[in-house]
């Protein structure tokens, strides 16, 4: 057995938690269809994950917690709020944003609004090219 000093252990935990949270958002961004109930279940699953993490480690605040919560909650935004949200949240990839808009299509975003939001995402992505 090798004892890991607490500061090193905390750094390892922080990186593992950050990676897990980023992986959750990546998984949510791969969803093809999702209802309001499905998003509510995502929130519940994430809360369970956080509760288990809090028992395993003393790291507070949980790294990238807001990154996951904000992405899940963005599903409920109206068209205008989502457009503003897309412009303000550059930490998400084009894929994350595009999928969010596509999943909302039909539930509370119509096709015209979808095109407008996808154009906003494209405008944000354009300077990167």
N, C-alpha and C. Protein backbone atom coordinates (compact mmCIF):
# COMPACT_ATOMS: atom_id res chain seq x y z
N UNK A 1 0.83 -1.19 0.00
CA UNK A 1 0.00 0.00 0.00
C UNK A 1 0.87 1.24 0.00
N UNK A 2 0.44 2.21 -0.78
CA UNK A 2 1.14 3.50 -0.84
C UNK A 2 0.16 4.55 -0.34
N UNK A 3 0.58 5.30 0.64
CA UNK A 3 -0.27 6.36 1.17
C UNK A 3 -0.14 7.59 0.27
N UNK A 4 -1.28 8.11 -0.08
CA UNK A 4 -1.30 9.31 -0.92
C UNK A 4 -1.56 10.51 0.00
N UNK A 5 -0.71 11.50 -0.05
CA UNK A 5 -0.94 12.69 0.79
C UNK A 5 -2.28 13.34 0.45
N UNK A 6 -2.92 13.91 1.46
CA UNK A 6 -4.25 14.51 1.28
C UNK A 6 -4.30 15.55 0.16
N UNK A 7 -3.33 16.45 0.04
CA UNK A 7 -3.40 17.41 -1.07
C UNK A 7 -3.38 16.73 -2.45
N UNK A 8 -2.61 15.66 -2.57
CA UNK A 8 -2.55 14.92 -3.84
C UNK A 8 -3.87 14.19 -4.07
N UNK A 9 -4.40 13.60 -3.02
CA UNK A 9 -5.68 12.92 -3.12
C UNK A 9 -6.78 13.89 -3.55
N UNK A 10 -6.79 15.08 -2.98
CA UNK A 10 -7.80 16.08 -3.34
C UNK A 10 -7.69 16.50 -4.80
N UNK A 11 -6.46 16.63 -5.29
CA UNK A 11 -6.27 16.99 -6.70
C UNK A 11 -6.78 15.87 -7.61
N UNK A 12 -6.48 14.62 -7.24
CA UNK A 12 -6.97 13.48 -8.03
C UNK A 12 -8.50 13.44 -8.04
N UNK A 13 -9.11 13.62 -6.86
CA UNK A 13 -10.56 13.64 -6.77
C UNK A 13 -11.14 14.77 -7.63
N UNK A 14 -10.53 15.93 -7.54
CA UNK A 14 -11.03 17.08 -8.30
C UNK A 14 -11.02 16.79 -9.80
N UNK A 15 -9.93 16.21 -10.28
CA UNK A 15 -9.85 15.89 -11.71
C UNK A 15 -10.86 14.81 -12.10
N UNK A 16 -11.02 13.80 -11.27
CA UNK A 16 -12.00 12.74 -11.56
C UNK A 16 -13.42 13.28 -11.58
N UNK A 17 -13.75 14.13 -10.62
CA UNK A 17 -15.10 14.71 -10.56
C UNK A 17 -15.35 15.61 -11.77
N UNK A 18 -14.35 16.43 -12.10
CA UNK A 18 -14.49 17.32 -13.25
C UNK A 18 -14.72 16.51 -14.54
N UNK A 19 -13.94 15.45 -14.70
CA UNK A 19 -14.08 14.59 -15.88
C UNK A 19 -15.45 13.91 -15.90
N UNK A 20 -15.91 13.43 -14.75
CA UNK A 20 -17.23 12.80 -14.67
C UNK A 20 -18.33 13.78 -15.04
N UNK A 21 -18.24 15.01 -14.54
CA UNK A 21 -19.26 16.01 -14.85
C UNK A 21 -19.23 16.40 -16.32
N UNK A 22 -18.06 16.53 -16.89
CA UNK A 22 -17.95 16.83 -18.32
C UNK A 22 -18.52 15.68 -19.15
N UNK A 23 -18.29 14.46 -18.70
CA UNK A 23 -18.81 13.28 -19.39
C UNK A 23 -20.33 13.22 -19.31
N UNK A 24 -20.89 13.63 -18.18
CA UNK A 24 -22.35 13.68 -18.07
C UNK A 24 -22.95 14.65 -19.09
N UNK A 25 -22.38 15.84 -19.20
CA UNK A 25 -22.89 16.81 -20.18
C UNK A 25 -22.73 16.26 -21.59
N UNK A 26 -21.62 15.62 -21.86
CA UNK A 26 -21.41 15.02 -23.18
C UNK A 26 -22.49 13.97 -23.46
N UNK A 27 -22.80 13.17 -22.45
CA UNK A 27 -23.86 12.17 -22.60
C UNK A 27 -25.22 12.81 -22.82
N UNK A 28 -25.52 13.85 -22.06
CA UNK A 28 -26.79 14.55 -22.24
C UNK A 28 -26.86 15.18 -23.63
N UNK A 29 -25.73 15.60 -24.17
CA UNK A 29 -25.70 16.22 -25.49
C UNK A 29 -25.86 15.18 -26.61
N UNK A 30 -25.77 13.91 -26.27
CA UNK A 30 -25.97 12.85 -27.26
C UNK A 30 -27.41 12.35 -27.31
N UNK A 31 -28.25 12.85 -26.43
CA UNK A 31 -29.65 12.43 -26.39
C UNK A 31 -30.36 12.91 -27.65
N UNK A 32 -31.12 12.03 -28.26
CA UNK A 32 -31.84 12.38 -29.49
C UNK A 32 -33.22 12.96 -29.21
N UNK A 33 -33.90 12.45 -28.20
CA UNK A 33 -35.22 12.94 -27.82
C UNK A 33 -35.30 12.95 -26.31
N UNK A 34 -35.99 13.96 -25.77
CA UNK A 34 -36.12 14.02 -24.31
C UNK A 34 -37.36 14.82 -23.94
N UNK A 35 -38.14 14.25 -23.06
CA UNK A 35 -39.35 14.93 -22.57
C UNK A 35 -38.99 15.73 -21.32
N UNK A 36 -39.96 16.50 -20.84
CA UNK A 36 -39.76 17.23 -19.58
C UNK A 36 -39.48 16.25 -18.45
N UNK A 37 -40.18 15.10 -18.48
CA UNK A 37 -39.97 14.09 -17.44
C UNK A 37 -38.55 13.52 -17.53
N UNK A 38 -38.05 13.37 -18.75
CA UNK A 38 -36.69 12.87 -18.93
C UNK A 38 -35.66 13.83 -18.37
N UNK A 39 -35.85 15.12 -18.60
CA UNK A 39 -34.93 16.11 -18.05
C UNK A 39 -35.03 16.13 -16.52
N UNK A 40 -36.23 15.97 -16.00
CA UNK A 40 -36.39 15.92 -14.54
C UNK A 40 -35.63 14.72 -13.98
N UNK A 41 -35.68 13.59 -14.69
CA UNK A 41 -34.92 12.42 -14.24
C UNK A 41 -33.42 12.66 -14.31
N UNK A 42 -32.97 13.40 -15.31
CA UNK A 42 -31.55 13.75 -15.39
C UNK A 42 -31.14 14.55 -14.16
N UNK A 43 -32.00 15.50 -13.78
CA UNK A 43 -31.70 16.31 -12.59
C UNK A 43 -31.65 15.43 -11.34
N UNK A 44 -32.60 14.51 -11.21
CA UNK A 44 -32.60 13.61 -10.06
C UNK A 44 -31.36 12.73 -10.03
N UNK A 45 -31.00 12.20 -11.19
CA UNK A 45 -29.80 11.36 -11.27
C UNK A 45 -28.56 12.16 -10.87
N UNK A 46 -28.48 13.38 -11.34
CA UNK A 46 -27.32 14.21 -11.01
C UNK A 46 -27.29 14.52 -9.51
N UNK A 47 -28.44 14.78 -8.92
CA UNK A 47 -28.51 15.03 -7.47
C UNK A 47 -28.05 13.80 -6.68
N UNK A 48 -28.44 12.61 -7.14
CA UNK A 48 -27.98 11.38 -6.50
C UNK A 48 -26.46 11.23 -6.62
N UNK A 49 -25.95 11.54 -7.79
CA UNK A 49 -24.50 11.50 -8.02
C UNK A 49 -23.78 12.44 -7.05
N UNK A 50 -24.31 13.65 -6.89
CA UNK A 50 -23.71 14.62 -5.98
C UNK A 50 -23.75 14.15 -4.53
N UNK A 51 -24.86 13.54 -4.14
CA UNK A 51 -24.98 13.04 -2.77
C UNK A 51 -23.93 11.96 -2.50
N UNK A 52 -23.74 11.07 -3.46
CA UNK A 52 -22.72 10.02 -3.29
C UNK A 52 -21.32 10.61 -3.25
N UNK A 53 -21.07 11.61 -4.10
CA UNK A 53 -19.76 12.26 -4.10
C UNK A 53 -19.46 12.92 -2.76
N UNK A 54 -20.46 13.56 -2.19
CA UNK A 54 -20.26 14.25 -0.92
C UNK A 54 -19.91 13.28 0.20
N UNK A 55 -20.34 12.02 0.08
CA UNK A 55 -19.97 11.01 1.07
C UNK A 55 -18.55 10.49 0.84
N UNK A 56 -18.12 10.51 -0.43
CA UNK A 56 -16.81 9.96 -0.78
C UNK A 56 -15.65 10.92 -0.55
N UNK A 57 -15.93 12.20 -0.70
CA UNK A 57 -14.84 13.19 -0.66
C UNK A 57 -15.27 14.45 0.08
N UNK A 58 -14.27 15.16 0.58
CA UNK A 58 -14.53 16.42 1.28
C UNK A 58 -14.36 17.63 0.37
N UNK A 59 -14.18 17.40 -0.91
CA UNK A 59 -13.96 18.52 -1.83
C UNK A 59 -15.26 19.31 -1.98
N UNK A 60 -15.16 20.60 -1.67
CA UNK A 60 -16.28 21.53 -1.80
C UNK A 60 -15.74 22.83 -2.35
N UNK A 61 -16.39 23.48 -3.21
CA UNK A 61 -17.57 23.02 -3.94
C UNK A 61 -17.20 21.94 -4.95
N UNK A 62 -18.19 21.21 -5.39
CA UNK A 62 -17.98 20.15 -6.37
C UNK A 62 -17.59 20.80 -7.70
N UNK A 63 -16.45 20.40 -8.27
CA UNK A 63 -16.00 21.01 -9.53
C UNK A 63 -17.00 20.77 -10.68
N UNK A 64 -17.29 21.81 -11.42
CA UNK A 64 -18.17 21.77 -12.59
C UNK A 64 -19.62 21.36 -12.29
N UNK A 65 -20.02 21.48 -11.05
CA UNK A 65 -21.41 21.18 -10.68
C UNK A 65 -22.37 22.09 -11.46
N UNK A 66 -22.05 23.38 -11.49
CA UNK A 66 -22.90 24.34 -12.19
C UNK A 66 -22.92 24.08 -13.70
N UNK A 67 -21.82 23.57 -14.23
CA UNK A 67 -21.72 23.27 -15.65
C UNK A 67 -22.81 22.26 -16.04
N UNK A 68 -22.99 21.23 -15.23
CA UNK A 68 -24.00 20.20 -15.50
C UNK A 68 -25.40 20.74 -15.23
N UNK A 69 -25.59 21.36 -14.08
CA UNK A 69 -26.92 21.85 -13.71
C UNK A 69 -27.45 22.88 -14.71
N UNK A 70 -26.57 23.77 -15.14
CA UNK A 70 -26.97 24.81 -16.08
C UNK A 70 -27.40 24.21 -17.41
N UNK A 71 -26.68 23.19 -17.86
CA UNK A 71 -27.02 22.55 -19.13
C UNK A 71 -28.38 21.85 -19.04
N UNK A 72 -28.62 21.14 -17.96
CA UNK A 72 -29.90 20.45 -17.80
C UNK A 72 -31.05 21.46 -17.75
N UNK A 73 -30.87 22.53 -17.01
CA UNK A 73 -31.93 23.53 -16.84
C UNK A 73 -32.18 24.34 -18.11
N UNK A 74 -31.20 24.42 -19.00
CA UNK A 74 -31.36 25.19 -20.24
C UNK A 74 -32.48 24.61 -21.11
N UNK A 75 -32.77 23.35 -20.96
CA UNK A 75 -33.82 22.70 -21.74
C UNK A 75 -35.17 23.41 -21.55
N UNK A 76 -35.39 23.97 -20.38
CA UNK A 76 -36.68 24.56 -20.05
C UNK A 76 -36.82 26.02 -20.50
N UNK A 77 -35.78 26.60 -21.05
CA UNK A 77 -35.81 28.01 -21.44
C UNK A 77 -36.73 28.25 -22.63
N UNK A 78 -37.31 29.44 -22.67
CA UNK A 78 -38.11 29.83 -23.82
C UNK A 78 -37.16 30.20 -24.96
N UNK A 79 -37.72 30.42 -26.12
CA UNK A 79 -36.90 30.74 -27.31
C UNK A 79 -35.99 31.95 -27.08
N UNK A 80 -36.56 33.05 -26.60
CA UNK A 80 -35.75 34.27 -26.39
C UNK A 80 -34.71 34.08 -25.30
N UNK A 81 -35.10 33.43 -24.22
CA UNK A 81 -34.15 33.17 -23.14
C UNK A 81 -33.04 32.23 -23.60
N UNK A 82 -33.39 31.26 -24.43
CA UNK A 82 -32.38 30.32 -24.92
C UNK A 82 -31.39 31.01 -25.84
N UNK A 83 -31.86 31.93 -26.66
CA UNK A 83 -30.94 32.66 -27.54
C UNK A 83 -29.93 33.45 -26.71
N UNK A 84 -30.40 34.11 -25.69
CA UNK A 84 -29.51 34.86 -24.79
C UNK A 84 -28.57 33.90 -24.06
N UNK A 85 -29.11 32.78 -23.60
CA UNK A 85 -28.32 31.79 -22.88
C UNK A 85 -27.19 31.24 -23.77
N UNK A 86 -27.51 30.96 -25.02
CA UNK A 86 -26.51 30.44 -25.97
C UNK A 86 -25.37 31.43 -26.12
N UNK A 87 -25.70 32.71 -26.23
CA UNK A 87 -24.67 33.74 -26.40
C UNK A 87 -23.83 33.94 -25.14
N UNK A 88 -24.42 33.69 -23.98
CA UNK A 88 -23.72 33.91 -22.72
C UNK A 88 -22.89 32.72 -22.25
N UNK A 89 -23.21 31.52 -22.73
CA UNK A 89 -22.56 30.31 -22.23
C UNK A 89 -21.64 29.70 -23.29
N UNK A 90 -20.51 30.33 -23.43
CA UNK A 90 -19.52 29.88 -24.41
C UNK A 90 -18.73 28.66 -23.93
N UNK A 91 -18.95 28.25 -22.69
CA UNK A 91 -18.21 27.11 -22.17
C UNK A 91 -18.69 25.79 -22.76
N UNK A 92 -19.85 25.81 -23.41
CA UNK A 92 -20.39 24.60 -24.04
C UNK A 92 -19.96 24.56 -25.50
N UNK A 93 -19.74 23.36 -25.99
CA UNK A 93 -19.31 23.20 -27.38
C UNK A 93 -20.49 23.44 -28.33
N UNK A 94 -20.17 23.61 -29.59
CA UNK A 94 -21.20 23.77 -30.61
C UNK A 94 -22.12 22.56 -30.61
N UNK A 95 -21.54 21.38 -30.43
CA UNK A 95 -22.33 20.15 -30.39
C UNK A 95 -23.32 20.19 -29.23
N UNK A 96 -22.87 20.60 -28.06
CA UNK A 96 -23.76 20.68 -26.89
C UNK A 96 -24.93 21.62 -27.17
N UNK A 97 -24.62 22.79 -27.72
CA UNK A 97 -25.65 23.80 -27.97
C UNK A 97 -26.61 23.35 -29.07
N UNK A 98 -26.08 22.80 -30.13
CA UNK A 98 -26.91 22.35 -31.25
C UNK A 98 -27.87 21.26 -30.80
N UNK A 99 -27.37 20.31 -30.03
CA UNK A 99 -28.23 19.23 -29.57
C UNK A 99 -29.32 19.76 -28.65
N UNK A 100 -28.98 20.70 -27.81
CA UNK A 100 -29.96 21.28 -26.90
C UNK A 100 -31.12 21.88 -27.69
N UNK A 101 -30.80 22.62 -28.73
CA UNK A 101 -31.83 23.23 -29.57
C UNK A 101 -32.64 22.15 -30.29
N UNK A 102 -31.97 21.14 -30.83
CA UNK A 102 -32.68 20.08 -31.57
C UNK A 102 -33.59 19.25 -30.67
N UNK A 103 -33.18 19.01 -29.44
CA UNK A 103 -34.00 18.24 -28.51
C UNK A 103 -35.24 19.04 -28.11
N UNK A 104 -35.11 20.34 -28.05
CA UNK A 104 -36.25 21.19 -27.67
C UNK A 104 -37.25 21.34 -28.81
N UNK A 105 -36.85 21.03 -30.03
CA UNK A 105 -37.74 21.16 -31.18
C UNK A 105 -38.98 20.29 -30.97
N UNK A 106 -40.13 20.89 -31.10
CA UNK A 106 -41.37 20.15 -30.96
C UNK A 106 -41.95 20.21 -29.56
N UNK A 107 -41.10 20.31 -28.56
CA UNK A 107 -41.64 20.38 -27.20
C UNK A 107 -42.05 21.81 -26.87
N UNK A 108 -41.16 22.77 -27.08
CA UNK A 108 -41.53 24.18 -26.84
C UNK A 108 -40.78 25.14 -27.77
N UNK A 109 -40.10 24.60 -28.76
CA UNK A 109 -39.41 25.41 -29.77
C UNK A 109 -39.92 24.96 -31.14
N UNK A 110 -40.39 25.89 -31.95
CA UNK A 110 -40.88 25.52 -33.28
C UNK A 110 -39.72 25.54 -34.30
N UNK A 111 -40.01 25.13 -35.53
CA UNK A 111 -38.95 25.02 -36.54
C UNK A 111 -38.31 26.36 -36.88
N UNK A 112 -39.12 27.41 -36.92
CA UNK A 112 -38.57 28.74 -37.23
C UNK A 112 -37.62 29.19 -36.12
N UNK A 113 -38.03 28.98 -34.89
CA UNK A 113 -37.18 29.34 -33.75
C UNK A 113 -35.91 28.49 -33.75
N UNK A 114 -36.06 27.23 -34.12
CA UNK A 114 -34.90 26.33 -34.18
C UNK A 114 -33.87 26.87 -35.16
N UNK A 115 -34.31 27.29 -36.33
CA UNK A 115 -33.40 27.84 -37.34
C UNK A 115 -32.70 29.09 -36.82
N UNK A 116 -33.44 29.93 -36.14
CA UNK A 116 -32.88 31.16 -35.58
C UNK A 116 -31.81 30.83 -34.53
N UNK A 117 -32.10 29.87 -33.66
CA UNK A 117 -31.15 29.49 -32.61
C UNK A 117 -29.91 28.81 -33.20
N UNK A 118 -30.11 27.97 -34.21
CA UNK A 118 -28.96 27.32 -34.85
C UNK A 118 -28.08 28.36 -35.56
N UNK A 119 -28.71 29.39 -36.11
CA UNK A 119 -27.94 30.48 -36.75
C UNK A 119 -27.13 31.23 -35.69
N UNK A 120 -27.71 31.43 -34.52
CA UNK A 120 -26.99 32.10 -33.43
C UNK A 120 -25.78 31.27 -32.99
N UNK A 121 -25.96 29.96 -32.94
CA UNK A 121 -24.84 29.07 -32.59
C UNK A 121 -23.76 29.15 -33.67
N UNK A 122 -24.19 29.16 -34.92
CA UNK A 122 -23.24 29.23 -36.04
C UNK A 122 -22.46 30.55 -36.00
N UNK A 123 -23.15 31.65 -35.64
CA UNK A 123 -22.48 32.95 -35.53
C UNK A 123 -21.42 32.94 -34.45
N UNK A 124 -21.70 32.27 -33.35
CA UNK A 124 -20.73 32.17 -32.26
C UNK A 124 -19.53 31.34 -32.69
N UNK A 125 -19.81 30.27 -33.42
CA UNK A 125 -18.76 29.33 -33.84
C UNK A 125 -17.90 29.89 -34.97
N UNK A 126 -18.45 30.80 -35.77
CA UNK A 126 -17.76 31.31 -36.95
C UNK A 126 -16.37 31.89 -36.66
N UNK A 127 -16.17 32.72 -35.63
CA UNK A 127 -14.83 33.27 -35.38
C UNK A 127 -13.76 32.20 -35.10
N UNK A 128 -14.20 31.03 -34.62
CA UNK A 128 -13.25 29.97 -34.31
C UNK A 128 -12.66 29.35 -35.57
N UNK A 129 -13.38 29.44 -36.67
CA UNK A 129 -12.94 28.77 -37.92
C UNK A 129 -11.85 29.51 -38.61
